[in-house]
Protein backbone atom coordinates (compact mmCIF):
# COMPACT_ATOMS: atom_id res chain seq x y z
CA UNK A 1 3.72 -0.26 -70.59
CA UNK A 2 6.93 -0.34 -72.60
CA UNK A 3 7.79 3.17 -71.38
CA UNK A 4 7.62 1.92 -67.80
CA UNK A 5 9.72 -1.18 -68.54
CA UNK A 6 12.66 0.44 -70.34
CA UNK A 7 14.11 2.36 -67.34
CA UNK A 8 13.95 -0.79 -65.23
CA UNK A 9 15.71 -2.84 -67.91
CA UNK A 10 18.43 -0.18 -68.02
CA UNK A 11 18.72 -0.23 -64.22
CA UNK A 12 19.06 -4.04 -64.28
CA UNK A 13 21.87 -3.81 -66.86
CA UNK A 14 23.68 -1.16 -64.80
CA UNK A 15 23.38 -3.27 -61.65
CA UNK A 16 24.78 -6.26 -63.53
CA UNK A 17 27.86 -4.21 -64.39
CA UNK A 18 28.21 -3.14 -60.76
CA UNK A 19 28.06 -6.73 -59.56
CA UNK A 20 30.79 -7.68 -62.01
CA UNK A 21 33.11 -5.04 -60.50
CA UNK A 22 35.30 -6.61 -57.75
CA UNK A 23 35.48 -3.24 -56.00
CA UNK A 24 31.78 -3.46 -55.12
CA UNK A 25 32.33 -6.53 -52.96
CA UNK A 26 34.81 -4.65 -50.77
CA UNK A 27 31.67 -3.19 -49.18
CA UNK A 28 29.55 -6.24 -48.21
CA UNK A 29 26.55 -4.14 -47.18
CA UNK A 30 26.46 -2.27 -50.50
CA UNK A 31 26.97 -5.54 -52.40
CA UNK A 32 23.96 -7.05 -50.58
CA UNK A 33 21.77 -4.07 -51.45
CA UNK A 34 22.84 -4.09 -55.09
CA UNK A 35 22.37 -7.87 -55.31
CA UNK A 36 18.94 -7.64 -53.71
CA UNK A 37 17.76 -5.01 -56.19
CA UNK A 38 19.27 -6.92 -59.12
CA UNK A 39 17.37 -10.03 -58.08
CA UNK A 40 14.13 -8.05 -57.66
CA UNK A 41 14.38 -6.80 -61.24
CA UNK A 42 15.39 -10.20 -62.64
CA UNK A 43 11.83 -11.51 -62.79
CA UNK A 44 10.67 -8.46 -64.73
CA UNK A 45 13.58 -8.76 -67.20
CA UNK A 46 12.73 -12.41 -67.90
CA UNK A 47 9.01 -11.68 -68.19
CA UNK A 48 9.61 -8.81 -70.62
CA UNK A 49 11.83 -11.04 -72.79
CA UNK A 50 9.02 -13.61 -72.90
CA UNK A 51 6.48 -10.88 -73.75
CA UNK A 52 8.61 -9.57 -76.63
CA UNK A 53 9.17 -13.09 -77.98
CA UNK A 54 5.46 -13.89 -77.77
CA UNK A 55 4.52 -10.64 -79.54
CA UNK A 56 7.05 -11.37 -82.29
CA UNK A 57 5.61 -14.86 -82.72
CA UNK A 58 2.12 -13.38 -83.17
CA UNK A 59 3.43 -10.89 -85.74
CA UNK A 60 5.23 -13.60 -87.68
CA UNK A 61 2.17 -15.88 -87.65
CA UNK A 62 -0.10 -13.06 -88.83
CA UNK A 63 2.25 -12.32 -91.71
CA UNK A 64 2.38 -15.99 -92.70
CA UNK A 65 -1.39 -16.37 -92.38
CA UNK A 66 -1.88 -13.56 -94.89
CA UNK A 67 -0.07 -15.71 -97.45
CA UNK A 68 -1.14 -19.16 -96.27
CA UNK A 69 -4.48 -19.47 -94.36
CA UNK A 70 -3.30 -22.69 -92.71
CA UNK A 71 -1.09 -20.62 -90.37
CA UNK A 72 -4.18 -18.88 -89.02
CA UNK A 73 -4.93 -21.95 -86.90
CA UNK A 74 -1.93 -21.15 -84.69
CA UNK A 75 -2.98 -17.56 -84.04
CA UNK A 76 -5.47 -18.06 -81.15
CA UNK A 77 -2.95 -19.96 -79.01
CA UNK A 78 -0.15 -17.51 -79.83
CA UNK A 79 -2.34 -14.51 -78.99
CA UNK A 80 -3.39 -16.11 -75.73
CA UNK A 81 0.24 -16.65 -74.79
CA UNK A 82 1.10 -13.06 -75.76
CA UNK A 83 -1.74 -11.74 -73.58
CA UNK A 84 -0.63 -13.89 -70.64
CA UNK A 85 2.97 -12.67 -70.85
CA UNK A 86 1.80 -9.05 -71.11
CA UNK A 87 -0.36 -9.52 -68.00
CA UNK A 88 2.64 -10.96 -66.17
CA UNK A 89 4.72 -7.89 -67.02
CA UNK A 90 1.87 -5.58 -65.99
CA UNK A 91 1.71 -7.22 -62.57
CA UNK A 92 5.47 -7.09 -62.10
CA UNK A 93 5.44 -3.34 -62.81
CA UNK A 94 3.38 -2.70 -59.70
CA UNK A 95 5.74 -1.34 -57.00
CA UNK A 96 6.91 -4.14 -54.75
CA UNK A 97 7.61 -4.16 -51.05
CA UNK A 98 11.27 -3.08 -50.75
CA UNK A 99 11.79 -5.62 -47.95
CA UNK A 100 10.66 -8.64 -49.99
CA UNK A 101 14.20 -9.90 -50.58
CA UNK A 102 15.20 -9.77 -46.93
CA UNK A 103 15.70 -12.55 -44.43
CA UNK A 104 13.30 -12.74 -41.50
CA UNK A 105 13.10 -12.81 -37.73
CA UNK A 106 9.98 -14.79 -36.87
CA UNK A 107 8.48 -14.55 -33.38
CA UNK A 108 5.72 -16.88 -32.14
CA UNK A 109 4.02 -16.17 -28.82
CA UNK A 110 1.38 -18.09 -26.90
CA UNK A 111 -1.78 -16.12 -26.29
CA UNK A 112 -5.01 -16.79 -24.48
CA UNK A 113 -5.53 -20.46 -23.70
CA UNK A 114 -2.74 -21.31 -21.26
CA UNK A 115 -0.85 -24.54 -21.90
CA UNK A 116 -2.99 -25.33 -24.96
CA UNK A 117 -2.00 -22.04 -26.54
CA UNK A 118 1.68 -22.81 -25.88
CA UNK A 119 1.26 -26.23 -27.50
CA UNK A 120 -0.34 -24.59 -30.54
CA UNK A 121 2.54 -22.12 -30.70
CA UNK A 122 4.82 -25.17 -30.84
CA UNK A 123 2.75 -26.57 -33.72
CA UNK A 124 3.15 -23.29 -35.63
CA UNK A 125 6.90 -23.30 -35.03
CA UNK A 126 7.20 -26.86 -36.39
CA UNK A 127 5.06 -25.86 -39.38
CA UNK A 128 7.42 -22.99 -40.24
CA UNK A 129 10.50 -25.14 -39.68
CA UNK A 130 9.16 -27.76 -42.09
CA UNK A 131 8.27 -25.06 -44.62
CA UNK A 132 11.84 -23.78 -44.35
CA UNK A 133 13.16 -27.30 -44.86
CA UNK A 134 11.00 -27.76 -47.97
CA UNK A 135 12.30 -24.50 -49.45
CA UNK A 136 15.92 -24.99 -48.47
CA UNK A 137 15.95 -22.08 -46.03
CA UNK A 138 18.23 -22.01 -43.01
CA UNK A 139 16.79 -21.51 -39.53
CA UNK A 140 18.31 -20.57 -36.19
CA UNK A 141 16.66 -20.38 -32.78
CA UNK A 142 17.57 -16.99 -31.31
CA UNK A 143 15.66 -17.33 -28.06
CA UNK A 144 13.01 -19.68 -26.67
CA UNK A 145 10.87 -20.06 -23.55
CA UNK A 146 9.49 -23.65 -23.61
CA UNK A 147 6.31 -24.60 -21.79
CA UNK A 148 5.98 -27.53 -19.40
CA UNK A 149 4.23 -29.80 -21.96
CA UNK A 150 6.62 -29.19 -24.85
CA UNK A 151 5.14 -26.09 -26.47
CA UNK A 152 6.47 -22.55 -26.42
CA UNK A 153 5.45 -19.54 -24.38
CA UNK A 154 7.59 -17.50 -26.77
CA UNK A 155 10.24 -18.19 -29.38
CA UNK A 156 12.29 -16.14 -31.84
CA UNK A 157 13.69 -17.69 -35.03
CA UNK A 158 15.97 -16.35 -37.75
CA UNK A 159 14.96 -17.61 -41.20
CA UNK A 160 17.43 -17.10 -44.05
CA UNK A 161 17.32 -17.87 -47.74
CA UNK A 162 19.56 -20.37 -49.50
CA UNK A 163 23.09 -19.14 -49.10
CA UNK A 164 21.87 -15.58 -48.64
CA UNK A 165 20.41 -15.55 -52.17
CA UNK A 166 18.50 -12.24 -52.39
CA UNK A 167 16.15 -13.76 -54.97
CA UNK A 168 14.87 -16.20 -52.38
CA UNK A 169 12.32 -13.79 -50.94
CA UNK A 170 11.94 -15.16 -47.40
CA UNK A 171 10.13 -12.04 -46.21
CA UNK A 172 8.03 -11.96 -49.40
CA UNK A 173 6.79 -15.46 -48.56
CA UNK A 174 6.32 -15.11 -44.80
CA UNK A 175 5.20 -11.51 -44.29
CA UNK A 176 1.51 -12.41 -44.47
CA UNK A 177 1.90 -14.81 -41.52
CA UNK A 178 1.99 -11.90 -39.08
CA UNK A 179 -1.09 -11.76 -36.87
CA UNK A 180 -3.24 -13.87 -34.57
CA UNK A 181 -3.65 -17.57 -35.47
CA UNK A 182 -6.63 -19.32 -33.89
CA UNK A 183 -6.93 -23.05 -33.22
CA UNK A 184 -10.06 -25.14 -32.55
CA UNK A 185 -9.45 -28.63 -31.16
CA UNK A 186 -9.71 -30.90 -28.14
CA UNK A 187 -6.70 -30.06 -25.95
CA UNK A 188 -4.57 -32.84 -24.52
CA UNK A 189 -5.45 -31.45 -21.10
CA UNK A 190 -9.21 -31.81 -21.76
CA UNK A 191 -10.65 -34.95 -20.16
CA UNK A 192 -14.27 -34.44 -21.29
CA UNK A 193 -13.44 -34.30 -25.01
CA UNK A 194 -14.72 -30.76 -25.50
CA UNK A 195 -13.42 -28.57 -28.32
CA UNK A 196 -11.60 -25.47 -27.09
CA UNK A 197 -10.53 -22.33 -28.93
CA UNK A 198 -7.20 -20.68 -28.23
CA UNK A 199 -4.74 -18.53 -30.13
CA UNK A 200 -1.08 -17.74 -30.72
CA UNK A 201 0.50 -14.62 -32.17
CA UNK A 202 3.06 -14.50 -34.99
CA UNK A 203 5.25 -11.49 -35.73
CA UNK A 204 7.31 -11.41 -38.94
CA UNK A 205 10.12 -8.86 -39.09
CA UNK A 206 12.45 -8.24 -42.06
CA UNK A 207 15.93 -8.61 -40.60
CA UNK A 208 18.00 -5.45 -40.61
CA UNK A 209 21.46 -5.57 -42.14
CA UNK A 210 24.32 -5.78 -39.69
CA UNK A 211 25.64 -2.39 -40.76
CA UNK A 212 24.27 0.99 -39.68
CA UNK A 213 20.95 0.63 -41.49
CA UNK A 214 19.29 0.86 -38.08
CA UNK A 215 21.20 3.30 -35.89
CA UNK A 216 21.23 2.04 -32.32
CA UNK A 217 23.02 4.42 -29.99
CA UNK A 218 24.61 2.46 -27.10
CA UNK A 219 23.65 5.36 -24.83
CA UNK A 220 19.99 4.55 -25.55
CA UNK A 221 20.33 1.02 -24.24
CA UNK A 222 19.98 -0.35 -20.72
CA UNK A 223 21.53 -3.81 -20.51
CA UNK A 224 20.64 -6.07 -17.58
CA UNK A 225 22.06 -9.53 -16.99
CA UNK A 226 20.43 -12.30 -14.99
CA UNK A 227 20.57 -16.04 -14.53
CA UNK A 228 18.96 -18.22 -17.16
CA UNK A 229 15.89 -20.20 -16.19
CA UNK A 230 14.22 -23.31 -17.51
CA UNK A 231 15.70 -26.46 -19.06
CA UNK A 232 19.31 -26.28 -20.17
CA UNK A 233 22.86 -27.33 -19.52
CA UNK A 234 25.04 -27.02 -16.47
CA UNK A 235 25.35 -23.23 -16.80
CA UNK A 236 21.64 -22.68 -16.21
CA UNK A 237 21.00 -20.88 -12.91
CA UNK A 238 24.74 -20.77 -12.12
CA UNK A 239 25.98 -17.77 -14.14
CA UNK A 240 24.51 -14.42 -15.15
CA UNK A 241 24.46 -15.31 -18.87
CA UNK A 242 20.94 -14.16 -19.80
CA UNK A 243 20.62 -10.63 -21.18
CA UNK A 244 17.76 -8.14 -21.20
CA UNK A 245 18.13 -5.03 -23.38
CA UNK A 246 15.78 -2.07 -23.02
CA UNK A 247 15.72 0.57 -25.76
CA UNK A 248 15.02 3.64 -23.65
CA UNK A 249 13.59 6.00 -26.34
CA UNK A 250 10.92 3.49 -27.45
CA UNK A 251 10.55 1.27 -24.38
CA UNK A 252 11.18 -1.89 -26.47
CA UNK A 253 12.50 -4.77 -24.35
CA UNK A 254 14.28 -7.84 -25.71
CA UNK A 255 15.50 -10.76 -23.58
CA UNK A 256 17.70 -13.67 -24.66
CA UNK A 257 18.87 -16.63 -22.60
CA UNK A 258 19.18 -19.37 -25.20
CA UNK A 259 22.99 -19.31 -25.36
CA UNK A 260 25.39 -20.14 -22.53
CA UNK A 261 27.54 -17.09 -23.26
CA UNK A 262 26.44 -13.64 -22.10
CA UNK A 263 28.12 -12.15 -25.19
CA UNK A 264 26.20 -14.47 -27.53
CA UNK A 265 22.90 -13.65 -25.82
CA UNK A 266 23.68 -9.94 -26.13
CA UNK A 267 24.35 -10.27 -29.87
CA UNK A 268 21.14 -12.24 -30.41
CA UNK A 269 19.15 -9.67 -28.44
CA UNK A 270 20.63 -6.84 -30.52
CA UNK A 271 19.64 -8.64 -33.73
CA UNK A 272 16.05 -8.89 -32.57
CA UNK A 273 16.05 -5.30 -31.33
CA UNK A 274 17.36 -3.98 -34.67
CA UNK A 275 14.61 -5.85 -36.51
CA UNK A 276 11.93 -4.53 -34.15
CA UNK A 277 13.21 -0.96 -34.45
CA UNK A 278 13.22 -1.26 -38.22
CA UNK A 279 9.64 -2.55 -38.17
CA UNK A 280 8.62 0.28 -35.84
CA UNK A 281 10.15 2.85 -38.20
CA UNK A 282 8.32 1.25 -41.13
CA UNK A 283 5.04 1.40 -39.21
CA UNK A 284 5.49 5.08 -38.45
CA UNK A 285 6.36 5.78 -42.10
CA UNK A 286 3.22 3.94 -43.21
CA UNK A 287 0.95 5.54 -40.61
CA UNK A 288 -0.96 7.51 -43.24
CA UNK A 289 -1.01 4.75 -45.84
CA UNK A 290 -3.60 2.02 -46.28
CA UNK A 291 -3.23 -1.59 -47.40
CA UNK A 292 -1.80 -4.87 -46.24
CA UNK A 293 1.73 -3.54 -45.76
CA UNK A 294 0.67 -1.64 -42.66
CA UNK A 295 -0.91 -4.75 -41.16
CA UNK A 296 2.37 -6.66 -41.40
CA UNK A 297 4.33 -4.35 -39.10
CA UNK A 298 1.89 -4.08 -36.23
CA UNK A 299 2.53 -5.73 -32.90
CA UNK A 300 0.85 -9.03 -32.26
CA UNK A 301 -1.38 -7.52 -29.57
CA UNK A 302 -2.92 -5.15 -32.10
CA UNK A 303 -3.33 -7.64 -34.96
CA UNK A 304 -6.68 -9.17 -35.71
CA UNK A 305 -7.30 -12.89 -36.17
CA UNK A 306 -6.01 -13.86 -39.60
CA UNK A 307 -6.43 -17.64 -39.75
CA UNK A 308 -8.25 -20.53 -38.10
CA UNK A 309 -6.95 -24.09 -37.77
CA UNK A 310 -9.92 -26.41 -37.16
CA UNK A 311 -8.65 -29.86 -36.18
CA UNK A 312 -12.00 -31.75 -36.00
CA UNK A 313 -12.76 -30.79 -39.62
CA UNK A 314 -9.11 -30.89 -40.77
CA UNK A 315 -9.84 -27.38 -42.12
CA UNK A 316 -7.69 -24.29 -42.53
CA UNK A 317 -9.34 -20.92 -43.24
CA UNK A 318 -7.64 -17.62 -44.02
CA UNK A 319 -10.02 -14.83 -43.05
CA UNK A 320 -8.31 -12.15 -45.16
CA UNK A 321 -8.51 -13.90 -48.51
CA UNK A 322 -11.39 -16.33 -48.03
CA UNK A 323 -9.07 -19.26 -48.69
CA UNK A 324 -10.36 -22.54 -47.26
CA UNK A 325 -9.07 -26.10 -47.59
CA UNK A 326 -9.46 -29.42 -45.82
CA UNK A 327 -5.82 -30.44 -45.67
CA UNK A 328 -4.80 -29.05 -42.29
CA UNK A 329 -2.57 -32.05 -41.62
CA UNK A 330 -0.41 -31.39 -44.68
CA UNK A 331 -0.34 -27.63 -44.02
CA UNK A 332 0.99 -28.25 -40.51
CA UNK A 333 3.62 -30.47 -42.14
CA UNK A 334 4.91 -27.38 -43.95
CA UNK A 335 2.90 -27.48 -47.19
CA UNK A 336 1.76 -23.84 -47.08
CA UNK A 337 2.23 -23.02 -50.77
CA UNK A 338 -1.47 -22.64 -51.63
CA UNK A 339 -2.20 -20.61 -48.47
CA UNK A 340 0.73 -18.27 -49.03
CA UNK A 341 -0.14 -17.89 -52.72
CA UNK A 342 -3.68 -16.79 -51.85
CA UNK A 343 -2.26 -14.04 -49.63
CA UNK A 344 0.32 -12.95 -52.20
CA UNK A 345 -2.33 -12.84 -54.92
CA UNK A 346 -4.67 -10.74 -52.79
CA UNK A 347 -1.82 -8.35 -52.02
CA UNK A 348 -0.93 -8.11 -55.70
CA UNK A 349 -4.54 -7.37 -56.65
CA UNK A 350 -4.67 -4.65 -53.98
CA UNK A 351 -1.48 -3.10 -55.33
CA UNK A 352 -2.86 -3.18 -58.88
CA UNK A 353 -6.05 -1.47 -57.71
CA UNK A 354 -4.06 1.15 -55.79
CA UNK A 355 -1.95 1.80 -58.90
CA UNK A 356 -5.13 2.41 -60.90
CA UNK A 357 -4.73 -0.68 -63.10
CA UNK A 358 -7.46 -3.11 -62.01
């Protein structure tokens, strides 16, 4: 294990020197990439320091116990700590998702179920906004299509870490939210009190950097403008401010009408398009690979049901990990830590198994 750690420790030290060089920050895109990698390796560096310290403590206690048996009483606890720190390092050595440190574009779409599905989509949006608030993340509505009763037919959000801190891991936390979320409850539109089942889709995309990480040729784009629709200010339905961009090679279509300015809507649409193109490229690259990573970049229409929210029982169930709890009310208030941890742990176990270190 030490042989695997040493090159990464050396890489971390070299990156630290790069970050201290003012010349690096003349290229913001390069500085972000270097900072992201430095932050990714930071956890391993700290864990290895703890492992070395714990191993040294065991060695010192064993030496003292040979001279004074009273020191032997400390050995079990010290060895347990040393084993725990070694296990932590072993898990951190498993290759991570290179997108984990990125910010996210989160899309929530109503599915089958009509107005009830749109209301549930609104519940999911509020859940993610409250999670972001708890974690100090910044959020921005890029585009939204509200429903008549206050839900969402479709909405796109940007979710960013604290001050752009690459160690924040917004994508690492949210990537397992991608898929179909099912709800079981009595809809507000149901007069007979019957429980209905409906669903909403969530798509989580690591946001592409603003530089040429995703090459979008303007010649490949068809840009249409039209008048905004739905609730809004005085400019709604009076100017052609809404923008629809079609990426001709892939057929991807992105529309934005949330801003009053056509230019702002165009920029927001391009941000979403870059993220979708990046996800599409990742899917194609992973076409022959197995595992959870591939599931995270599929379109909502192709994703299977991942979670059920049962209101009558106040129960939340994740069908991928087997996680189940009866605190749906607090989860919808943004307390997703235990749910997200169950997904991250399952992913980590799968990576360990794939690496041949069960």
